[in-house]
Amino acid sequence: MKFLLFYLFAINYIAYTLFVIDKKRAQKGKQRIAEKNLLTACFLGGSIGGWLAMKNLRHKTSKQSFKTKFYLILIIQVFLFFSLFKR
């Protein structure tokens, strides 16, 4: 259980950091982080970090195709979480 908590903390930190880096690069007109990489970090368990970054930074909130994919990943993860830990 400790490993799972550490993993979730780490992947959410990584996801949040990727969103921060992408936001800064967007503001400077530099090469961005691919959306598939942002979504992959979220898919691997970093959805909370991605969601916090989207809310705090107002980043990736206007692109509907990204939001649809992101929220689909989040819904699947919530469903899996409650399915696995339901007792």
PDB file of N, CA and C in Angstrom:
ATOM      1  N   MET A   1       0.812  -1.186   0.000  1.00  0.00           N
ATOM      2  CA  MET A   1       0.000   0.000   0.000  1.00  0.00           C
ATOM      3  C   MET A   1       0.862   1.260   0.000  1.00  0.00           C
ATOM      4  N   LYS A   2       1.999   1.209   0.719  1.00  0.00           N
ATOM      5  CA  LYS A   2       2.894   2.362   0.741  1.00  0.00           C
ATOM      6  C   LYS A   2       3.432   2.658  -0.655  1.00  0.00           C
ATOM      7  N   PHE A   3       3.741   1.586  -1.391  1.00  0.00           N
ATOM      8  CA  PHE A   3       4.256   1.777  -2.747  1.00  0.00           C
ATOM      9  C   PHE A   3       3.210   2.454  -3.625  1.00  0.00           C
ATOM     10  N   LEU A   4       1.966   2.036  -3.500  1.00  0.00           N
ATOM     11  CA  LEU A   4       0.884   2.625  -4.292  1.00  0.00           C
ATOM     12  C   LEU A   4       0.722   4.107  -3.980  1.00  0.00           C
ATOM     13  N   LEU A   5       0.750   4.463  -2.715  1.00  0.00           N
ATOM     14  CA  LEU A   5       0.637   5.871  -2.336  1.00  0.00           C
ATOM     15  C   LEU A   5       1.816   6.679  -2.855  1.00  0.00           C
ATOM     16  N   PHE A   6       3.021   6.130  -2.736  1.00  0.00           N
ATOM     17  CA  PHE A   6       4.200   6.822  -3.260  1.00  0.00           C
ATOM     18  C   PHE A   6       4.091   7.001  -4.769  1.00  0.00           C
ATOM     19  N   TYR A   7       3.671   5.939  -5.465  1.00  0.00           N
ATOM     20  CA  TYR A   7       3.523   6.002  -6.919  1.00  0.00           C
ATOM     21  C   TYR A   7       2.510   7.084  -7.312  1.00  0.00           C
ATOM     22  N   LEU A   8       1.357   7.089  -6.661  1.00  0.00           N
ATOM     23  CA  LEU A   8       0.332   8.069  -6.998  1.00  0.00           C
ATOM     24  C   LEU A   8       0.804   9.498  -6.726  1.00  0.00           C
ATOM     25  N   PHE A   9       1.502   9.698  -5.623  1.00  0.00           N
ATOM     26  CA  PHE A   9       2.061  11.022  -5.346  1.00  0.00           C
ATOM     27  C   PHE A   9       3.045  11.422  -6.438  1.00  0.00           C
ATOM     28  N   ALA A  10       3.949  10.514  -6.791  1.00  0.00           N
ATOM     29  CA  ALA A  10       4.981  10.817  -7.784  1.00  0.00           C
ATOM     30  C   ALA A  10       4.383  11.092  -9.170  1.00  0.00           C
ATOM     31  N   ILE A  11       3.441  10.269  -9.626  1.00  0.00           N
ATOM     32  CA  ILE A  11       2.889  10.447 -10.965  1.00  0.00           C
ATOM     33  C   ILE A  11       2.035  11.705 -11.031  1.00  0.00           C
ATOM     34  N   ASN A  12       1.365  12.052  -9.957  1.00  0.00           N
ATOM     35  CA  ASN A  12       0.588  13.288  -9.946  1.00  0.00           C
ATOM     36  C   ASN A  12       1.499  14.511  -9.932  1.00  0.00           C
ATOM     37  N   TYR A  13       2.603  14.425  -9.227  1.00  0.00           N
ATOM     38  CA  TYR A  13       3.593  15.498  -9.236  1.00  0.00           C
ATOM     39  C   TYR A  13       4.171  15.671 -10.643  1.00  0.00           C
ATOM     40  N   ILE A  14       4.489  14.570 -11.286  1.00  0.00           N
ATOM     41  CA  ILE A  14       5.027  14.606 -12.651  1.00  0.00           C
ATOM     42  C   ILE A  14       4.004  15.199 -13.610  1.00  0.00           C
ATOM     43  N   ALA A  15       2.757  14.771 -13.517  1.00  0.00           N
ATOM     44  CA  ALA A  15       1.716  15.294 -14.405  1.00  0.00           C
ATOM     45  C   ALA A  15       1.552  16.796 -14.206  1.00  0.00           C
ATOM     46  N   TYR A  16       1.475  17.233 -12.960  1.00  0.00           N
ATOM     47  CA  TYR A  16       1.332  18.668 -12.684  1.00  0.00           C
ATOM     48  C   TYR A  16       2.519  19.445 -13.264  1.00  0.00           C
ATOM     49  N   THR A  17       3.708  18.917 -13.061  1.00  0.00           N
ATOM     50  CA  THR A  17       4.915  19.574 -13.561  1.00  0.00           C
ATOM     51  C   THR A  17       4.917  19.652 -15.088  1.00  0.00           C
ATOM     52  N   LEU A  18       4.476  18.599 -15.757  1.00  0.00           N
ATOM     53  CA  LEU A  18       4.403  18.628 -17.222  1.00  0.00           C
ATOM     54  C   LEU A  18       3.445  19.718 -17.705  1.00  0.00           C
ATOM     55  N   PHE A  19       2.317  19.866 -17.034  1.00  0.00           N
ATOM     56  CA  PHE A  19       1.370  20.923 -17.393  1.00  0.00           C
ATOM     57  C   PHE A  19       1.993  22.304 -17.175  1.00  0.00           C
ATOM     58  N   VAL A  20       2.729  22.475 -16.076  1.00  0.00           N
ATOM     59  CA  VAL A  20       3.395  23.753 -15.795  1.00  0.00           C
ATOM     60  C   VAL A  20       4.411  24.070 -16.887  1.00  0.00           C
ATOM     61  N   ILE A  21       5.229  23.096 -17.234  1.00  0.00           N
ATOM     62  CA  ILE A  21       6.243  23.294 -18.278  1.00  0.00           C
ATOM     63  C   ILE A  21       5.569  23.637 -19.599  1.00  0.00           C
ATOM     64  N   ASP A  22       4.504  22.919 -19.945  1.00  0.00           N
ATOM     65  CA  ASP A  22       3.806  23.180 -21.200  1.00  0.00           C
ATOM     66  C   ASP A  22       3.207  24.583 -21.215  1.00  0.00           C
ATOM     67  N   LYS A  23       2.643  25.013 -20.108  1.00  0.00           N
ATOM     68  CA  LYS A  23       2.064  26.366 -20.004  1.00  0.00           C
ATOM     69  C   LYS A  23       3.144  27.424 -20.214  1.00  0.00           C
ATOM     70  N   LYS A  24       4.284  27.252 -19.568  1.00  0.00           N
ATOM     71  CA  LYS A  24       5.376  28.224 -19.710  1.00  0.00           C
ATOM     72  C   LYS A  24       5.895  28.256 -21.138  1.00  0.00           C
ATOM     73  N   ARG A  25       6.026  27.075 -21.760  1.00  0.00           N
ATOM     74  CA  ARG A  25       6.478  27.024 -23.148  1.00  0.00           C
ATOM     75  C   ARG A  25       5.464  27.686 -24.078  1.00  0.00           C
ATOM     76  N   ALA A  26       4.197  27.513 -23.799  1.00  0.00           N
ATOM     77  CA  ALA A  26       3.149  28.132 -24.623  1.00  0.00           C
ATOM     78  C   ALA A  26       3.237  29.657 -24.525  1.00  0.00           C
ATOM     79  N   GLN A  27       3.473  30.159 -23.335  1.00  0.00           N
ATOM     80  CA  GLN A  27       3.576  31.604 -23.136  1.00  0.00           C
ATOM     81  C   GLN A  27       4.794  32.201 -23.840  1.00  0.00           C
ATOM     82  N   LYS A  28       5.855  31.411 -23.941  1.00  0.00           N
ATOM     83  CA  LYS A  28       7.089  31.884 -24.576  1.00  0.00           C
ATOM     84  C   LYS A  28       7.164  31.556 -26.056  1.00  0.00           C
ATOM     85  N   GLY A  29       6.169  30.846 -26.566  1.00  0.00           N
ATOM     86  CA  GLY A  29       6.163  30.488 -27.981  1.00  0.00           C
ATOM     87  C   GLY A  29       7.166  29.406 -28.339  1.00  0.00           C
ATOM     88  N   LYS A  30       7.555  28.615 -27.367  1.00  0.00           N
ATOM     89  CA  LYS A  30       8.518  27.533 -27.603  1.00  0.00           C
ATOM     90  C   LYS A  30       7.791  26.232 -27.925  1.00  0.00           C
ATOM     91  N   GLN A  31       8.596  25.200 -28.242  1.00  0.00           N
ATOM     92  CA  GLN A  31       8.029  23.891 -28.564  1.00  0.00           C
ATOM     93  C   GLN A  31       7.313  23.320 -27.344  1.00  0.00           C
ATOM     94  N   ARG A  32       6.092  22.839 -27.575  1.00  0.00           N
ATOM     95  CA  ARG A  32       5.218  22.391 -26.507  1.00  0.00           C
ATOM     96  C   ARG A  32       5.389  20.906 -26.231  1.00  0.00           C
ATOM     97  N   ILE A  33       4.865  20.492 -25.098  1.00  0.00           N
ATOM     98  CA  ILE A  33       4.783  19.070 -24.768  1.00  0.00           C
ATOM     99  C   ILE A  33       3.560  18.527 -25.495  1.00  0.00           C
ATOM    100  N   ALA A  34       3.719  17.414 -26.158  1.00  0.00           N
ATOM    101  CA  ALA A  34       2.617  16.832 -26.931  1.00  0.00           C
ATOM    102  C   ALA A  34       1.456  16.474 -26.006  1.00  0.00           C
ATOM    103  N   GLU A  35       0.243  16.697 -26.509  1.00  0.00           N
ATOM    104  CA  GLU A  35      -0.947  16.375 -25.724  1.00  0.00           C
ATOM    105  C   GLU A  35      -0.982  14.901 -25.337  1.00  0.00           C
ATOM    106  N   LYS A  36      -0.498  14.046 -26.230  1.00  0.00           N
ATOM    107  CA  LYS A  36      -0.512  12.616 -25.899  1.00  0.00           C
ATOM    108  C   LYS A  36       0.376  12.334 -24.689  1.00  0.00           C
ATOM    109  N   ASN A  37       1.451  13.093 -24.509  1.00  0.00           N
ATOM    110  CA  ASN A  37       2.306  12.904 -23.337  1.00  0.00           C
ATOM    111  C   ASN A  37       1.620  13.395 -22.065  1.00  0.00           C
ATOM    112  N   LEU A  38       0.900  14.512 -22.159  1.00  0.00           N
ATOM    113  CA  LEU A  38       0.147  15.004 -21.010  1.00  0.00           C
ATOM    114  C   LEU A  38      -0.944  14.000 -20.629  1.00  0.00           C
ATOM    115  N   LEU A  39      -1.644  13.506 -21.635  1.00  0.00           N
ATOM    116  CA  LEU A  39      -2.711  12.538 -21.370  1.00  0.00           C
ATOM    117  C   LEU A  39      -2.162  11.203 -20.870  1.00  0.00           C
ATOM    118  N   THR A  40      -0.993  10.808 -21.336  1.00  0.00           N
ATOM    119  CA  THR A  40      -0.372   9.570 -20.866  1.00  0.00           C
ATOM    120  C   THR A  40      -0.040   9.671 -19.381  1.00  0.00           C
ATOM    121  N   ALA A  41       0.504  10.809 -18.978  1.00  0.00           N
ATOM    122  CA  ALA A  41       0.807  11.007 -17.556  1.00  0.00           C
ATOM    123  C   ALA A  41      -0.472  10.919 -16.727  1.00  0.00           C
ATOM    124  N   CYS A  42      -1.548  11.482 -17.237  1.00  0.00           N
ATOM    125  CA  CYS A  42      -2.834  11.400 -16.542  1.00  0.00           C
ATOM    126  C   CYS A  42      -3.352   9.962 -16.528  1.00  0.00           C
ATOM    127  N   PHE A  43      -3.230   9.275 -17.642  1.00  0.00           N
ATOM    128  CA  PHE A  43      -3.689   7.894 -17.750  1.00  0.00           C
ATOM    129  C   PHE A  43      -2.954   6.978 -16.776  1.00  0.00           C
ATOM    130  N   LEU A  44      -1.687   7.242 -16.559  1.00  0.00           N
ATOM    131  CA  LEU A  44      -0.869   6.410 -15.674  1.00  0.00           C
ATOM    132  C   LEU A  44      -1.140   6.678 -14.197  1.00  0.00           C
ATOM    133  N   GLY A  45      -2.101   7.537 -13.914  1.00  0.00           N
ATOM    134  CA  GLY A  45      -2.484   7.795 -12.532  1.00  0.00           C
ATOM    135  C   GLY A  45      -2.357   9.241 -12.109  1.00  0.00           C
ATOM    136  N   GLY A  46      -1.953  10.112 -13.011  1.00  0.00           N
ATOM    137  CA  GLY A  46      -1.737  11.514 -12.672  1.00  0.00           C
ATOM    138  C   GLY A  46      -2.905  12.430 -12.957  1.00  0.00           C
ATOM    139  N   SER A  47      -4.101  11.887 -12.949  1.00  0.00           N
ATOM    140  CA  SER A  47      -5.280  12.690 -13.281  1.00  0.00           C
ATOM    141  C   SER A  47      -5.527  13.812 -12.277  1.00  0.00           C
ATOM    142  N   ILE A  48      -5.284  13.561 -11.019  1.00  0.00           N
ATOM    143  CA  ILE A  48      -5.501  14.606 -10.015  1.00  0.00           C
ATOM    144  C   ILE A  48      -4.514  15.745 -10.234  1.00  0.00           C
ATOM    145  N   GLY A  49      -3.257  15.407 -10.495  1.00  0.00           N
ATOM    146  CA  GLY A  49      -2.259  16.441 -10.787  1.00  0.00           C
ATOM    147  C   GLY A  49      -2.601  17.212 -12.043  1.00  0.00           C
ATOM    148  N   GLY A  50      -3.072  16.503 -13.077  1.00  0.00           N
ATOM    149  CA  GLY A  50      -3.485  17.167 -14.308  1.00  0.00           C
ATOM    150  C   GLY A  50      -4.680  18.069 -14.090  1.00  0.00           C
ATOM    151  N   TRP A  51      -5.646  17.596 -13.316  1.00  0.00           N
ATOM    152  CA  TRP A  51      -6.840  18.386 -13.032  1.00  0.00           C
ATOM    153  C   TRP A  51      -6.488  19.638 -12.235  1.00  0.00           C
ATOM    154  N   LEU A  52      -5.629  19.476 -11.223  1.00  0.00           N
ATOM    155  CA  LEU A  52      -5.204  20.638 -10.430  1.00  0.00           C
ATOM    156  C   LEU A  52      -4.473  21.661 -11.295  1.00  0.00           C
ATOM    157  N   ALA A  53      -3.630  21.184 -12.190  1.00  0.00           N
ATOM    158  CA  ALA A  53      -2.906  22.088 -13.076  1.00  0.00           C
ATOM    159  C   ALA A  53      -3.872  22.810 -14.014  1.00  0.00           C
ATOM    160  N   MET A  54      -4.843  22.081 -14.546  1.00  0.00           N
ATOM    161  CA  MET A  54      -5.814  22.701 -15.441  1.00  0.00           C
ATOM    162  C   MET A  54      -6.578  23.808 -14.706  1.00  0.00           C
ATOM    163  N   LYS A  55      -6.948  23.552 -13.476  1.00  0.00           N
ATOM    164  CA  LYS A  55      -7.710  24.536 -12.692  1.00  0.00           C
ATOM    165  C   LYS A  55      -6.840  25.700 -12.227  1.00  0.00           C
ATOM    166  N   ASN A  56      -5.662  25.405 -11.679  1.00  0.00           N
ATOM    167  CA  ASN A  56      -4.806  26.456 -11.131  1.00  0.00           C
ATOM    168  C   ASN A  56      -4.172  27.326 -12.205  1.00  0.00           C
ATOM    169  N   LEU A  57      -3.776  26.703 -13.312  1.00  0.00           N
ATOM    170  CA  LEU A  57      -3.059  27.427 -14.363  1.00  0.00           C
ATOM    171  C   LEU A  57      -3.973  27.885 -15.497  1.00  0.00           C
ATOM    172  N   ARG A  58      -5.217  27.402 -15.477  1.00  0.00           N
ATOM    173  CA  ARG A  58      -6.149  27.630 -16.591  1.00  0.00           C
ATOM    174  C   ARG A  58      -5.483  27.216 -17.902  1.00  0.00           C
ATOM    175  N   HIS A  59      -4.948  26.025 -17.881  1.00  0.00           N
ATOM    176  CA  HIS A  59      -4.220  25.499 -19.040  1.00  0.00           C
ATOM    177  C   HIS A  59      -4.972  24.310 -19.605  1.00  0.00           C
ATOM    178  N   LYS A  60      -5.131  24.279 -20.914  1.00  0.00           N
ATOM    179  CA  LYS A  60      -5.823  23.212 -21.634  1.00  0.00           C
ATOM    180  C   LYS A  60      -7.308  23.166 -21.290  1.00  0.00           C
ATOM    181  N   THR A  61      -7.865  24.286 -20.876  1.00  0.00           N
ATOM    182  CA  THR A  61      -9.271  24.315 -20.491  1.00  0.00           C
ATOM    183  C   THR A  61     -10.191  24.748 -21.631  1.00  0.00           C
ATOM    184  N   SER A  62      -9.642  25.286 -22.684  1.00  0.00           N
ATOM    185  CA  SER A  62     -10.502  25.738 -23.780  1.00  0.00           C
ATOM    186  C   SER A  62     -10.510  24.766 -24.957  1.00  0.00           C
ATOM    187  N   LYS A  63      -9.624  23.805 -24.954  1.00  0.00           N
ATOM    188  CA  LYS A  63      -9.571  22.838 -26.049  1.00  0.00           C
ATOM    189  C   LYS A  63     -10.457  21.642 -25.717  1.00  0.00           C
ATOM    190  N   GLN A  64     -11.631  21.606 -26.340  1.00  0.00           N
ATOM    191  CA  GLN A  64     -12.649  20.616 -25.996  1.00  0.00           C
ATOM    192  C   GLN A  64     -12.190  19.182 -26.243  1.00  0.00           C
ATOM    193  N   SER A  65     -11.444  18.939 -27.318  1.00  0.00           N
ATOM    194  CA  SER A  65     -11.004  17.563 -27.593  1.00  0.00           C
ATOM    195  C   SER A  65     -10.075  17.054 -26.495  1.00  0.00           C
ATOM    196  N   PHE A  66      -9.223  17.912 -25.973  1.00  0.00           N
ATOM    197  CA  PHE A  66      -8.334  17.521 -24.875  1.00  0.00           C
ATOM    198  C   PHE A  66      -9.143  17.252 -23.616  1.00  0.00           C
ATOM    199  N   LYS A  67     -10.066  18.162 -23.300  1.00  0.00           N
ATOM    200  CA  LYS A  67     -10.877  18.001 -22.095  1.00  0.00           C
ATOM    201  C   LYS A  67     -11.715  16.734 -22.146  1.00  0.00           C
ATOM    202  N   THR A  68     -12.247  16.406 -23.310  1.00  0.00           N
ATOM    203  CA  THR A  68     -13.048  15.189 -23.445  1.00  0.00           C
ATOM    204  C   THR A  68     -12.214  13.957 -23.132  1.00  0.00           C
ATOM    205  N   LYS A  69     -11.020  13.887 -23.708  1.00  0.00           N
ATOM    206  CA  LYS A  69     -10.136  12.751 -23.452  1.00  0.00           C
ATOM    207  C   LYS A  69      -9.716  12.705 -21.986  1.00  0.00           C
ATOM    208  N   PHE A  70      -9.395  13.869 -21.441  1.00  0.00           N
ATOM    209  CA  PHE A  70      -8.953  13.938 -20.050  1.00  0.00           C
ATOM    210  C   PHE A  70     -10.047  13.451 -19.114  1.00  0.00           C
ATOM    211  N   TYR A  71     -11.261  13.965 -19.280  1.00  0.00           N
ATOM    212  CA  TYR A  71     -12.345  13.583 -18.368  1.00  0.00           C
ATOM    213  C   TYR A  71     -12.774  12.131 -18.558  1.00  0.00           C
ATOM    214  N   LEU A  72     -12.615  11.602 -19.749  1.00  0.00           N
ATOM    215  CA  LEU A  72     -12.882  10.176 -19.965  1.00  0.00           C
ATOM    216  C   LEU A  72     -11.896   9.328 -19.163  1.00  0.00           C
ATOM    217  N   ILE A  73     -10.627   9.709 -19.202  1.00  0.00           N
ATOM    218  CA  ILE A  73      -9.602   9.018 -18.408  1.00  0.00           C
ATOM    219  C   ILE A  73      -9.945   9.117 -16.923  1.00  0.00           C
ATOM    220  N   LEU A  74     -10.330  10.295 -16.471  1.00  0.00           N
ATOM    221  CA  LEU A  74     -10.658  10.509 -15.061  1.00  0.00           C
ATOM    222  C   LEU A  74     -11.848   9.650 -14.637  1.00  0.00           C
ATOM    223  N   ILE A  75     -12.881   9.601 -15.453  1.00  0.00           N
ATOM    224  CA  ILE A  75     -14.059   8.795 -15.131  1.00  0.00           C
ATOM    225  C   ILE A  75     -13.698   7.314 -15.044  1.00  0.00           C
ATOM    226  N   ILE A  76     -12.892   6.843 -15.972  1.00  0.00           N
ATOM    227  CA  ILE A  76     -12.462   5.436 -15.954  1.00  0.00           C
ATOM    228  C   ILE A  76     -11.673   5.142 -14.683  1.00  0.00           C
ATOM    229  N   GLN A  77     -10.787   6.064 -14.298  1.00  0.00           N
ATOM    230  CA  GLN A  77      -9.978   5.845 -13.100  1.00  0.00           C
ATOM    231  C   GLN A  77     -10.825   5.844 -11.834  1.00  0.00           C
ATOM    232  N   VAL A  78     -11.788   6.734 -11.748  1.00  0.00           N
ATOM    233  CA  VAL A  78     -12.669   6.767 -10.575  1.00  0.00           C
ATOM    234  C   VAL A  78     -13.466   5.463 -10.504  1.00  0.00           C
ATOM    235  N   PHE A  79     -13.989   5.026 -11.641  1.00  0.00           N
ATOM    236  CA  PHE A  79     -14.727   3.767 -11.685  1.00  0.00           C
ATOM    237  C   PHE A  79     -13.846   2.595 -11.239  1.00  0.00           C
ATOM    238  N   LEU A  80     -12.611   2.530 -11.766  1.00  0.00           N
ATOM    239  CA  LEU A  80     -11.696   1.450 -11.384  1.00  0.00           C
ATOM    240  C   LEU A  80     -11.336   1.510  -9.910  1.00  0.00           C
ATOM    241  N   PHE A  81     -11.115   2.697  -9.404  1.00  0.00           N
ATOM    242  CA  PHE A  81     -10.766   2.865  -7.996  1.00  0.00           C
ATOM    243  C   PHE A  81     -11.865   2.305  -7.099  1.00  0.00           C
ATOM    244  N   PHE A  82     -13.108   2.709  -7.380  1.00  0.00           N
ATOM    245  CA  PHE A  82     -14.199   2.241  -6.538  1.00  0.00           C
ATOM    246  C   PHE A  82     -14.507   0.756  -6.763  1.00  0.00           C
ATOM    247  N   SER A  83     -14.241   0.264  -7.957  1.00  0.00           N
ATOM    248  CA  SER A  83     -14.438  -1.161  -8.214  1.00  0.00           C
ATOM    249  C   SER A  83     -13.410  -2.014  -7.488  1.00  0.00           C
ATOM    250  N   LEU A  84     -12.188  -1.566  -7.453  1.00  0.00           N
ATOM    251  CA  LEU A  84     -11.121  -2.333  -6.810  1.00  0.00           C
ATOM    252  C   LEU A  84     -11.172  -2.282  -5.280  1.00  0.00           C
ATOM    253  N   PHE A  85     -11.571  -1.135  -4.747  1.00  0.00           N
ATOM    254  CA  PHE A  85     -11.529  -0.961  -3.308  1.00  0.00           C
ATOM    255  C   PHE A  85     -12.898  -1.037  -2.640  1.00  0.00           C
ATOM    256  N   LYS A  86     -13.881  -1.515  -3.373  1.00  0.00           N
ATOM    257  CA  LYS A  86     -15.220  -1.684  -2.822  1.00  0.00           C
ATOM    258  C   LYS A  86     -15.256  -2.951  -1.972  1.00  0.00           C
ATOM    259  N   ARG A  87     -15.673  -2.832  -0.752  1.00  0.00           N
ATOM    260  CA  ARG A  87     -15.756  -3.998   0.140  1.00  0.00           C
ATOM    261  C   ARG A  87     -16.854  -3.822   1.126  1.00  0.00           C
TER     262      ARG A  87
END
